[in-house]
C-alpha cells in the first residue's frame, strides 16, 4: 500500500525543515525543467519534424497512451518523508 504524507507536515530536507508539499512541488519543477532542457532542442530540429510526418496518427496516439500508462504510477509518491527525516545522518 502506498503511504502518503500530508502536504502541511514538516519534514527535514537536507538541513532545512519545510512542508512536505514544498518538497514535492520543488521536485516536480526540477523534473519538468529537466524534461524541457532535453526536449526543446529536439523540437527545433528539422529531422524530428520529418520523422513525425511519416508516423501514422494512430501510432502516435498509441505511444502517448502507453507512455501515460507507464508513467502514471510515478505520480503516486511512495516516499514517506517522516521516515526519511529520521534516517538522515
C-alpha atoms as a PDB file:
ATOM      1  CA  UNK A   1       0.000   0.000   0.000  1.00  0.00           C
ATOM      2  CA  UNK A   2       1.218   3.497  -0.739  1.00  0.00           C
ATOM      3  CA  UNK A   3       1.687   5.699   2.275  1.00  0.00           C
ATOM      4  CA  UNK A   4       1.201   9.421   1.937  1.00  0.00           C
ATOM      5  CA  UNK A   5       2.458  12.360   3.929  1.00  0.00           C
ATOM      6  CA  UNK A   6       0.155  15.379   4.408  1.00  0.00           C
ATOM      7  CA  UNK A   7       1.271  18.456   2.466  1.00  0.00           C
ATOM      8  CA  UNK A   8       1.438  20.665   5.525  1.00  0.00           C
ATOM      9  CA  UNK A   9       3.500  18.267   7.650  1.00  0.00           C
ATOM     10  CA  UNK A  10       7.007  19.465   8.461  1.00  0.00           C
ATOM     11  CA  UNK A  11       9.810  17.283   7.062  1.00  0.00           C
ATOM     12  CA  UNK A  12      13.584  17.580   7.037  1.00  0.00           C
ATOM     13  CA  UNK A  13      15.050  18.128   3.587  1.00  0.00           C
ATOM     14  CA  UNK A  14      18.811  18.227   3.938  1.00  0.00           C
ATOM     15  CA  UNK A  15      19.455  20.768   6.679  1.00  0.00           C
ATOM     16  CA  UNK A  16      16.143  22.600   6.317  1.00  0.00           C
ATOM     17  CA  UNK A  17      12.739  21.955   7.895  1.00  0.00           C
ATOM     18  CA  UNK A  18       9.922  22.627   5.417  1.00  0.00           C
ATOM     19  CA  UNK A  19       6.464  21.405   4.462  1.00  0.00           C
ATOM     20  CA  UNK A  20       6.252  18.128   2.535  1.00  0.00           C
ATOM     21  CA  UNK A  21       4.230  19.910  -0.158  1.00  0.00           C
ATOM     22  CA  UNK A  22       7.074  22.341  -0.809  1.00  0.00           C
ATOM     23  CA  UNK A  23       9.482  19.451  -1.306  1.00  0.00           C
ATOM     24  CA  UNK A  24       7.059  17.731  -3.693  1.00  0.00           C
ATOM     25  CA  UNK A  25       6.449  20.880  -5.757  1.00  0.00           C
ATOM     26  CA  UNK A  26      10.182  21.592  -5.962  1.00  0.00           C
ATOM     27  CA  UNK A  27      10.895  18.023  -7.109  1.00  0.00           C
ATOM     28  CA  UNK A  28       8.174  18.221  -9.770  1.00  0.00           C
ATOM     29  CA  UNK A  29       9.524  21.579 -11.001  1.00  0.00           C
ATOM     30  CA  UNK A  30      13.031  20.130 -11.266  1.00  0.00           C
ATOM     31  CA  UNK A  31      11.729  17.183 -13.278  1.00  0.00           C
ATOM     32  CA  UNK A  32       9.752  19.450 -15.596  1.00  0.00           C
ATOM     33  CA  UNK A  33      12.751  21.751 -16.113  1.00  0.00           C
ATOM     34  CA  UNK A  34      14.978  18.776 -16.886  1.00  0.00           C
ATOM     35  CA  UNK A  35      12.478  17.439 -19.409  1.00  0.00           C
ATOM     36  CA  UNK A  36      12.310  20.835 -21.132  1.00  0.00           C
ATOM     37  CA  UNK A  37      16.093  21.108 -21.139  1.00  0.00           C
ATOM     38  CA  UNK A  38      16.368  17.821 -23.033  1.00  0.00           C
ATOM     39  CA  UNK A  39      13.305  18.058 -25.290  1.00  0.00           C
ATOM     40  CA  UNK A  40      13.263  21.670 -26.511  1.00  0.00           C
ATOM     41  CA  UNK A  41      16.434  21.417 -28.629  1.00  0.00           C
ATOM     42  CA  UNK A  42      14.964  18.323 -30.312  1.00  0.00           C
ATOM     43  CA  UNK A  43      11.744  20.181 -31.084  1.00  0.00           C
ATOM     44  CA  UNK A  44      13.589  22.664 -33.275  1.00  0.00           C
ATOM     45  CA  UNK A  45      15.411  20.164 -35.476  1.00  0.00           C
ATOM     46  CA  UNK A  46      14.050  19.598 -38.965  1.00  0.00           C
ATOM     47  CA  UNK A  47      14.777  15.877 -38.743  1.00  0.00           C
ATOM     48  CA  UNK A  48      12.316  15.432 -35.869  1.00  0.00           C
ATOM     49  CA  UNK A  49       9.562  17.141 -37.835  1.00  0.00           C
ATOM     50  CA  UNK A  50      10.274  14.984 -40.889  1.00  0.00           C
ATOM     51  CA  UNK A  51      10.141  11.779 -38.820  1.00  0.00           C
ATOM     52  CA  UNK A  52       6.908  12.889 -37.144  1.00  0.00           C
ATOM     53  CA  UNK A  53       5.245  13.418 -40.529  1.00  0.00           C
ATOM     54  CA  UNK A  54       5.936   9.825 -41.578  1.00  0.00           C
ATOM     55  CA  UNK A  55       4.461   8.184 -38.432  1.00  0.00           C
ATOM     56  CA  UNK A  56       0.711   7.391 -38.654  1.00  0.00           C
ATOM     57  CA  UNK A  57      -1.549   9.307 -36.262  1.00  0.00           C
ATOM     58  CA  UNK A  58      -2.911   6.153 -34.632  1.00  0.00           C
ATOM     59  CA  UNK A  59       0.629   5.033 -33.764  1.00  0.00           C
ATOM     60  CA  UNK A  60       1.447   8.421 -32.207  1.00  0.00           C
ATOM     61  CA  UNK A  61      -1.702   8.275 -30.087  1.00  0.00           C
ATOM     62  CA  UNK A  62      -0.779   4.718 -29.087  1.00  0.00           C
ATOM     63  CA  UNK A  63       2.707   5.863 -27.998  1.00  0.00           C
ATOM     64  CA  UNK A  64       1.135   8.683 -25.996  1.00  0.00           C
ATOM     65  CA  UNK A  65      -1.258   6.289 -24.259  1.00  0.00           C
ATOM     66  CA  UNK A  66       1.465   3.749 -23.474  1.00  0.00           C
ATOM     67  CA  UNK A  67       3.796   6.399 -22.035  1.00  0.00           C
ATOM     68  CA  UNK A  68       0.927   7.709 -19.897  1.00  0.00           C
ATOM     69  CA  UNK A  69       0.223   4.233 -18.538  1.00  0.00           C
ATOM     70  CA  UNK A  70       3.899   3.644 -17.795  1.00  0.00           C
ATOM     71  CA  UNK A  71       4.404   6.994 -16.055  1.00  0.00           C
ATOM     72  CA  UNK A  72       1.050   7.314 -14.245  1.00  0.00           C
ATOM     73  CA  UNK A  73       2.182   5.264 -11.208  1.00  0.00           C
ATOM     74  CA  UNK A  74       5.189   7.590 -10.848  1.00  0.00           C
ATOM     75  CA  UNK A  75       2.803  10.368  -9.799  1.00  0.00           C
ATOM     76  CA  UNK A  76       1.805   8.392  -6.705  1.00  0.00           C
ATOM     77  CA  UNK A  77       4.710   9.043  -4.374  1.00  0.00           C
ATOM     78  CA  UNK A  78       5.573   6.089  -2.200  1.00  0.00           C
ATOM     79  CA  UNK A  79       8.131   8.015  -0.148  1.00  0.00           C
ATOM     80  CA  UNK A  80       7.327   8.561   3.496  1.00  0.00           C
ATOM     81  CA  UNK A  81       9.156  11.789   4.331  1.00  0.00           C
ATOM     82  CA  UNK A  82       8.708  11.184   8.060  1.00  0.00           C
ATOM     83  CA  UNK A  83      10.872   8.074   7.819  1.00  0.00           C
ATOM     84  CA  UNK A  84      13.491   9.862   5.713  1.00  0.00           C
ATOM     85  CA  UNK A  85      13.806  12.584   8.345  1.00  0.00           C
ATOM     86  CA  UNK A  86      14.762  10.021  10.976  1.00  0.00           C
ATOM     87  CA  UNK A  87      17.134   8.121   8.684  1.00  0.00           C
ATOM     88  CA  UNK A  88      19.173  11.199   7.792  1.00  0.00           C
ATOM     89  CA  UNK A  89      22.635  11.220   9.381  1.00  0.00           C
END
